């Protein structure tokens, strides 16, 4: 599963970027943007985001339900 940022909910606080270990979150027009090809799927961005629902996890492009995809656990 990969993080996906809802631009309508993102408040541009940059908490996700500060928490991202590989430092792959940038900003475009004041909203966070993730370079998915470099994402380690660690979930740190999700944990750091103060806005509920601004970051959600989706299947990677081209995948479908049931594929063997790593799971990110919050706990």
PDB file of N, CA and C in Angstrom:
ATOM      1  N   UNK A   1       0.850  -1.173   0.000  1.00  0.00           N
ATOM      2  CA  UNK A   1       0.000   0.000   0.000  1.00  0.00           C
ATOM      3  C   UNK A   1       0.897   1.238   0.000  1.00  0.00           C
ATOM      4  N   UNK A   2       0.468   2.235  -0.716  1.00  0.00           N
ATOM      5  CA  UNK A   2       1.243   3.464  -0.815  1.00  0.00           C
ATOM      6  C   UNK A   2       0.448   4.639  -0.254  1.00  0.00           C
ATOM      7  N   UNK A   3       1.147   5.597   0.358  1.00  0.00           N
ATOM      8  CA  UNK A   3       0.442   6.777   0.860  1.00  0.00           C
ATOM      9  C   UNK A   3      -0.039   7.647  -0.296  1.00  0.00           C
ATOM     10  N   UNK A   4      -1.204   8.205  -0.129  1.00  0.00           N
ATOM     11  CA  UNK A   4      -1.785   9.119  -1.106  1.00  0.00           C
ATOM     12  C   UNK A   4      -2.261  10.340  -0.343  1.00  0.00           C
ATOM     13  N   UNK A   5      -1.889  11.514  -0.815  1.00  0.00           N
ATOM     14  CA  UNK A   5      -2.234  12.754  -0.119  1.00  0.00           C
ATOM     15  C   UNK A   5      -3.423  13.412  -0.796  1.00  0.00           C
ATOM     16  N   UNK A   6      -4.448  13.681  -0.019  1.00  0.00           N
ATOM     17  CA  UNK A   6      -5.633  14.385  -0.499  1.00  0.00           C
ATOM     18  C   UNK A   6      -5.327  15.880  -0.460  1.00  0.00           C
ATOM     19  N   UNK A   7      -5.136  16.474  -1.609  1.00  0.00           N
ATOM     20  CA  UNK A   7      -4.763  17.889  -1.699  1.00  0.00           C
ATOM     21  C   UNK A   7      -5.820  18.816  -1.089  1.00  0.00           C
ATOM     22  N   UNK A   8      -7.062  18.378  -1.059  1.00  0.00           N
ATOM     23  CA  UNK A   8      -8.104  19.211  -0.468  1.00  0.00           C
ATOM     24  C   UNK A   8      -8.020  19.230   1.051  1.00  0.00           C
ATOM     25  N   UNK A   9      -7.488  18.171   1.637  1.00  0.00           N
ATOM     26  CA  UNK A   9      -7.366  18.098   3.097  1.00  0.00           C
ATOM     27  C   UNK A   9      -6.005  18.564   3.601  1.00  0.00           C
ATOM     28  N   UNK A  10      -4.962  18.430   2.781  1.00  0.00           N
ATOM     29  CA  UNK A  10      -3.606  18.814   3.186  1.00  0.00           C
ATOM     30  C   UNK A  10      -3.577  20.302   3.525  1.00  0.00           C
ATOM     31  N   UNK A  11      -3.035  20.634   4.712  1.00  0.00           N
ATOM     32  CA  UNK A  11      -2.958  22.036   5.104  1.00  0.00           C
ATOM     33  C   UNK A  11      -1.573  22.628   4.875  1.00  0.00           C
ATOM     34  N   UNK A  12      -0.650  21.848   4.311  1.00  0.00           N
ATOM     35  CA  UNK A  12       0.677  22.348   3.979  1.00  0.00           C
ATOM     36  C   UNK A  12       1.597  22.557   5.169  1.00  0.00           C
ATOM     37  N   UNK A  13       1.331  21.888   6.273  1.00  0.00           N
ATOM     38  CA  UNK A  13       2.110  22.112   7.496  1.00  0.00           C
ATOM     39  C   UNK A  13       3.521  21.512   7.441  1.00  0.00           C
ATOM     40  N   UNK A  14       3.773  20.603   6.521  1.00  0.00           N
ATOM     41  CA  UNK A  14       5.073  19.951   6.297  1.00  0.00           C
ATOM     42  C   UNK A  14       5.471  18.942   7.368  1.00  0.00           C
ATOM     43  N   UNK A  15       4.537  18.554   8.240  1.00  0.00           N
ATOM     44  CA  UNK A  15       4.846  17.541   9.254  1.00  0.00           C
ATOM     45  C   UNK A  15       5.210  16.222   8.591  1.00  0.00           C
ATOM     46  N   UNK A  16       4.527  15.877   7.514  1.00  0.00           N
ATOM     47  CA  UNK A  16       4.812  14.625   6.810  1.00  0.00           C
ATOM     48  C   UNK A  16       6.221  14.632   6.215  1.00  0.00           C
ATOM     49  N   UNK A  17       6.615  15.756   5.637  1.00  0.00           N
ATOM     50  CA  UNK A  17       7.946  15.872   5.024  1.00  0.00           C
ATOM     51  C   UNK A  17       9.046  15.766   6.077  1.00  0.00           C
ATOM     52  N   UNK A  18       8.837  16.365   7.224  1.00  0.00           N
ATOM     53  CA  UNK A  18       9.834  16.284   8.297  1.00  0.00           C
ATOM     54  C   UNK A  18       9.969  14.863   8.833  1.00  0.00           C
ATOM     55  N   UNK A  19       8.884  14.094   8.796  1.00  0.00           N
ATOM     56  CA  UNK A  19       8.881  12.735   9.334  1.00  0.00           C
ATOM     57  C   UNK A  19       9.367  11.685   8.327  1.00  0.00           C
ATOM     58  N   UNK A  20       9.428  12.017   7.069  1.00  0.00           N
ATOM     59  CA  UNK A  20       9.756  11.057   6.012  1.00  0.00           C
ATOM     60  C   UNK A  20      11.243  10.691   6.024  1.00  0.00           C
ATOM     61  N   UNK A  21      11.582   9.418   6.383  1.00  0.00           N
ATOM     62  CA  UNK A  21      12.992   9.015   6.450  1.00  0.00           C
ATOM     63  C   UNK A  21      13.767   9.176   5.136  1.00  0.00           C
ATOM     64  N   UNK A  22      13.192   8.793   3.972  1.00  0.00           N
ATOM     65  CA  UNK A  22      13.967   8.973   2.741  1.00  0.00           C
ATOM     66  C   UNK A  22      13.873  10.399   2.173  1.00  0.00           C
ATOM     67  N   UNK A  23      13.129  11.297   2.856  1.00  0.00           N
ATOM     68  CA  UNK A  23      13.019  12.700   2.441  1.00  0.00           C
ATOM     69  C   UNK A  23      12.529  12.837   0.993  1.00  0.00           C
ATOM     70  N   UNK A  24      11.394  12.206   0.706  1.00  0.00           N
ATOM     71  CA  UNK A  24      10.876  12.206  -0.666  1.00  0.00           C
ATOM     72  C   UNK A  24       9.543  12.947  -0.802  1.00  0.00           C
ATOM     73  N   UNK A  25       9.174  13.685   0.229  1.00  0.00           N
ATOM     74  CA  UNK A  25       7.931  14.449   0.156  1.00  0.00           C
ATOM     75  C   UNK A  25       8.289  15.904  -0.125  1.00  0.00           C
ATOM     76  N   UNK A  26       7.764  16.395  -1.227  1.00  0.00           N
ATOM     77  CA  UNK A  26       7.962  17.787  -1.606  1.00  0.00           C
ATOM     78  C   UNK A  26       6.631  18.508  -1.576  1.00  0.00           C
ATOM     79  N   UNK A  27       6.636  19.745  -2.025  1.00  0.00           N
ATOM     80  CA  UNK A  27       5.411  20.535  -2.012  1.00  0.00           C
ATOM     81  C   UNK A  27       5.212  21.220  -3.349  1.00  0.00           C
ATOM     82  N   UNK A  28       3.971  21.197  -3.796  1.00  0.00           N
ATOM     83  CA  UNK A  28       3.572  21.837  -5.048  1.00  0.00           C
ATOM     84  C   UNK A  28       2.328  22.662  -4.761  1.00  0.00           C
ATOM     85  N   UNK A  29       2.429  23.940  -4.986  1.00  0.00           N
ATOM     86  CA  UNK A  29       1.325  24.868  -4.707  1.00  0.00           C
ATOM     87  C   UNK A  29       0.855  24.753  -3.261  1.00  0.00           C
ATOM     88  N   UNK A  30       1.820  24.569  -2.344  1.00  0.00           N
ATOM     89  CA  UNK A  30       1.515  24.533  -0.921  1.00  0.00           C
ATOM     90  C   UNK A  30       0.960  23.222  -0.400  1.00  0.00           C
ATOM     91  N   UNK A  31       0.910  22.206  -1.250  1.00  0.00           N
ATOM     92  CA  UNK A  31       0.365  20.903  -0.855  1.00  0.00           C
ATOM     93  C   UNK A  31       1.454  19.840  -0.993  1.00  0.00           C
ATOM     94  N   UNK A  32       1.427  18.846  -0.104  1.00  0.00           N
ATOM     95  CA  UNK A  32       2.420  17.781  -0.115  1.00  0.00           C
ATOM     96  C   UNK A  32       2.270  16.893  -1.347  1.00  0.00           C
ATOM     97  N   UNK A  33       3.406  16.403  -1.834  1.00  0.00           N
ATOM     98  CA  UNK A  33       3.444  15.474  -2.961  1.00  0.00           C
ATOM     99  C   UNK A  33       4.535  14.445  -2.687  1.00  0.00           C
ATOM    100  N   UNK A  34       4.222  13.167  -2.883  1.00  0.00           N
ATOM    101  CA  UNK A  34       5.142  12.073  -2.590  1.00  0.00           C
ATOM    102  C   UNK A  34       5.669  11.472  -3.891  1.00  0.00           C
ATOM    103  N   UNK A  35       6.980  11.190  -3.931  1.00  0.00           N
ATOM    104  CA  UNK A  35       7.585  10.480  -5.055  1.00  0.00           C
ATOM    105  C   UNK A  35       7.393   8.984  -4.774  1.00  0.00           C
ATOM    106  N   UNK A  36       6.339   8.410  -5.326  1.00  0.00           N
ATOM    107  CA  UNK A  36       5.955   7.036  -4.997  1.00  0.00           C
ATOM    108  C   UNK A  36       7.027   6.007  -5.337  1.00  0.00           C
ATOM    109  N   UNK A  37       7.785   6.225  -6.404  1.00  0.00           N
ATOM    110  CA  UNK A  37       8.820   5.267  -6.788  1.00  0.00           C
ATOM    111  C   UNK A  37       9.891   5.108  -5.713  1.00  0.00           C
ATOM    112  N   UNK A  38      10.074   6.119  -4.877  1.00  0.00           N
ATOM    113  CA  UNK A  38      11.103   6.085  -3.837  1.00  0.00           C
ATOM    114  C   UNK A  38      10.542   5.832  -2.444  1.00  0.00           C
ATOM    115  N   UNK A  39       9.227   5.713  -2.339  1.00  0.00           N
ATOM    116  CA  UNK A  39       8.574   5.531  -1.043  1.00  0.00           C
ATOM    117  C   UNK A  39       8.935   4.172  -0.433  1.00  0.00           C
ATOM    118  N   UNK A  40       9.288   4.181   0.853  1.00  0.00           N
ATOM    119  CA  UNK A  40       9.637   2.954   1.572  1.00  0.00           C
ATOM    120  C   UNK A  40       8.416   2.345   2.272  1.00  0.00           C
ATOM    121  N   UNK A  41       7.271   2.972   2.157  1.00  0.00           N
ATOM    122  CA  UNK A  41       6.016   2.490   2.741  1.00  0.00           C
ATOM    123  C   UNK A  41       6.121   2.302   4.256  1.00  0.00           C
ATOM    124  N   UNK A  42       6.818   3.217   4.911  1.00  0.00           N
ATOM    125  CA  UNK A  42       7.028   3.085   6.358  1.00  0.00           C
ATOM    126  C   UNK A  42       5.862   3.619   7.184  1.00  0.00           C
ATOM    127  N   UNK A  43       5.067   4.533   6.619  1.00  0.00           N
ATOM    128  CA  UNK A  43       3.923   5.078   7.328  1.00  0.00           C
ATOM    129  C   UNK A  43       4.228   6.248   8.242  1.00  0.00           C
ATOM    130  N   UNK A  44       5.482   6.708   8.279  1.00  0.00           N
ATOM    131  CA  UNK A  44       5.844   7.837   9.142  1.00  0.00           C
ATOM    132  C   UNK A  44       5.079   9.104   8.760  1.00  0.00           C
ATOM    133  N   UNK A  45       4.850   9.317   7.479  1.00  0.00           N
ATOM    134  CA  UNK A  45       4.106  10.502   7.025  1.00  0.00           C
ATOM    135  C   UNK A  45       2.683  10.473   7.579  1.00  0.00           C
ATOM    136  N   UNK A  46       2.074   9.298   7.519  1.00  0.00           N
ATOM    137  CA  UNK A  46       0.721   9.109   8.018  1.00  0.00           C
ATOM    138  C   UNK A  46       0.634   9.409   9.516  1.00  0.00           C
ATOM    139  N   UNK A  47       1.595   8.864  10.270  1.00  0.00           N
ATOM    140  CA  UNK A  47       1.614   9.079  11.719  1.00  0.00           C
ATOM    141  C   UNK A  47       1.825  10.542  12.084  1.00  0.00           C
ATOM    142  N   UNK A  48       2.623  11.253  11.290  1.00  0.00           N
ATOM    143  CA  UNK A  48       2.960  12.641  11.601  1.00  0.00           C
ATOM    144  C   UNK A  48       1.878  13.639  11.197  1.00  0.00           C
ATOM    145  N   UNK A  49       1.058  13.278  10.250  1.00  0.00           N
ATOM    146  CA  UNK A  49       0.050  14.217   9.724  1.00  0.00           C
ATOM    147  C   UNK A  49      -1.019  14.526  10.777  1.00  0.00           C
ATOM    148  N   UNK A  50      -1.225  15.821  11.079  1.00  0.00           N
ATOM    149  CA  UNK A  50      -2.230  16.183  12.072  1.00  0.00           C
ATOM    150  C   UNK A  50      -3.660  16.253  11.522  1.00  0.00           C
ATOM    151  N   UNK A  51      -3.811  16.122  10.218  1.00  0.00           N
ATOM    152  CA  UNK A  51      -5.125  16.269   9.595  1.00  0.00           C
ATOM    153  C   UNK A  51      -5.707  14.895   9.272  1.00  0.00           C
ATOM    154  N   UNK A  52      -6.795  14.549   9.924  1.00  0.00           N
ATOM    155  CA  UNK A  52      -7.430  13.256   9.691  1.00  0.00           C
ATOM    156  C   UNK A  52      -7.891  13.136   8.242  1.00  0.00           C
ATOM    157  N   UNK A  53      -7.484  12.053   7.602  1.00  0.00           N
ATOM    158  CA  UNK A  53      -7.896  11.786   6.232  1.00  0.00           C
ATOM    159  C   UNK A  53      -7.065  12.466   5.168  1.00  0.00           C
ATOM    160  N   UNK A  54      -6.049  13.245   5.549  1.00  0.00           N
ATOM    161  CA  UNK A  54      -5.226  13.912   4.538  1.00  0.00           C
ATOM    162  C   UNK A  54      -4.305  12.917   3.838  1.00  0.00           C
ATOM    163  N   UNK A  55      -3.864  11.882   4.568  1.00  0.00           N
ATOM    164  CA  UNK A  55      -3.038  10.833   3.974  1.00  0.00           C
ATOM    165  C   UNK A  55      -3.758   9.505   4.174  1.00  0.00           C
ATOM    166  N   UNK A  56      -3.996   8.836   3.073  1.00  0.00           N
ATOM    167  CA  UNK A  56      -4.602   7.509   3.131  1.00  0.00           C
ATOM    168  C   UNK A  56      -3.703   6.559   2.346  1.00  0.00           C
ATOM    169  N   UNK A  57      -3.953   5.274   2.458  1.00  0.00           N
ATOM    170  CA  UNK A  57      -3.153   4.300   1.732  1.00  0.00           C
ATOM    171  C   UNK A  57      -3.983   3.654   0.646  1.00  0.00           C
ATOM    172  N   UNK A  58      -3.376   3.539  -0.524  1.00  0.00           N
ATOM    173  CA  UNK A  58      -4.028   2.939  -1.681  1.00  0.00           C
ATOM    174  C   UNK A  58      -3.119   1.877  -2.276  1.00  0.00           C
ATOM    175  N   UNK A  59      -3.697   1.022  -3.102  1.00  0.00           N
ATOM    176  CA  UNK A  59      -2.904   0.060  -3.847  1.00  0.00           C
ATOM    177  C   UNK A  59      -2.046   0.802  -4.855  1.00  0.00           C
ATOM    178  N   UNK A  60      -0.848   0.288  -5.148  1.00  0.00           N
ATOM    179  CA  UNK A  60      -0.018   0.929  -6.157  1.00  0.00           C
ATOM    180  C   UNK A  60      -0.707   0.915  -7.518  1.00  0.00           C
ATOM    181  N   UNK A  61      -0.374   1.884  -8.381  1.00  0.00           N
ATOM    182  CA  UNK A  61      -0.960   1.894  -9.722  1.00  0.00           C
ATOM    183  C   UNK A  61      -0.719   0.565 -10.436  1.00  0.00           C
ATOM    184  N   UNK A  62      -1.728   0.034 -11.075  1.00  0.00           N
ATOM    185  CA  UNK A  62      -1.622  -1.224 -11.798  1.00  0.00           C
ATOM    186  C   UNK A  62      -1.868  -2.456 -10.949  1.00  0.00           C
ATOM    187  N   UNK A  63      -2.080  -2.283  -9.654  1.00  0.00           N
ATOM    188  CA  UNK A  63      -2.334  -3.414  -8.756  1.00  0.00           C
ATOM    189  C   UNK A  63      -3.828  -3.593  -8.575  1.00  0.00           C
ATOM    190  N   UNK A  64      -4.181  -4.741  -8.054  1.00  0.00           N
ATOM    191  CA  UNK A  64      -5.581  -4.995  -7.752  1.00  0.00           C
ATOM    192  C   UNK A  64      -5.686  -5.723  -6.425  1.00  0.00           C
ATOM    193  N   UNK A  65      -6.839  -5.674  -5.844  1.00  0.00           N
ATOM    194  CA  UNK A  65      -7.103  -6.344  -4.573  1.00  0.00           C
ATOM    195  C   UNK A  65      -6.697  -7.816  -4.676  1.00  0.00           C
ATOM    196  N   UNK A  66      -5.966  -8.297  -3.680  1.00  0.00           N
ATOM    197  CA  UNK A  66      -5.539  -9.689  -3.665  1.00  0.00           C
ATOM    198  C   UNK A  66      -4.098  -9.884  -4.089  1.00  0.00           C
ATOM    199  N   UNK A  67      -3.473  -8.868  -4.706  1.00  0.00           N
ATOM    200  CA  UNK A  67      -2.062  -8.974  -5.051  1.00  0.00           C
ATOM    201  C   UNK A  67      -1.243  -9.040  -3.765  1.00  0.00           C
ATOM    202  N   UNK A  68      -0.067  -9.614  -3.822  1.00  0.00           N
ATOM    203  CA  UNK A  68       0.822  -9.714  -2.661  1.00  0.00           C
ATOM    204  C   UNK A  68       1.541  -8.374  -2.490  1.00  0.00           C
ATOM    205  N   UNK A  69       0.973  -7.508  -1.648  1.00  0.00           N
ATOM    206  CA  UNK A  69       1.497  -6.168  -1.442  1.00  0.00           C
ATOM    207  C   UNK A  69       1.840  -6.002   0.032  1.00  0.00           C
ATOM    208  N   UNK A  70       3.016  -5.430   0.342  1.00  0.00           N
ATOM    209  CA  UNK A  70       3.385  -5.236   1.750  1.00  0.00           C
ATOM    210  C   UNK A  70       2.351  -4.395   2.486  1.00  0.00           C
ATOM    211  N   UNK A  71       2.144  -4.711   3.749  1.00  0.00           N
ATOM    212  CA  UNK A  71       1.174  -3.994   4.573  1.00  0.00           C
ATOM    213  C   UNK A  71       1.899  -3.072   5.538  1.00  0.00           C
ATOM    214  N   UNK A  72       1.416  -1.874   5.675  1.00  0.00           N
ATOM    215  CA  UNK A  72       1.987  -0.922   6.620  1.00  0.00           C
ATOM    216  C   UNK A  72       1.144  -0.963   7.884  1.00  0.00           C
ATOM    217  N   UNK A  73       1.773  -1.235   8.986  1.00  0.00           N
ATOM    218  CA  UNK A  73       1.070  -1.263  10.257  1.00  0.00           C
ATOM    219  C   UNK A  73       1.387  -0.009  11.038  1.00  0.00           C
ATOM    220  N   UNK A  74       0.393   0.584  11.595  1.00  0.00           N
ATOM    221  CA  UNK A  74       0.576   1.781  12.400  1.00  0.00           C
ATOM    222  C   UNK A  74       1.102   1.440  13.777  1.00  0.00           C
ATOM    223  N   UNK A  75       1.014   0.204  14.176  1.00  0.00           N
ATOM    224  CA  UNK A  75       1.369  -0.159  15.539  1.00  0.00           C
ATOM    225  C   UNK A  75       2.532  -1.100  15.583  1.00  0.00           C
TER     226      UNK A  75
END
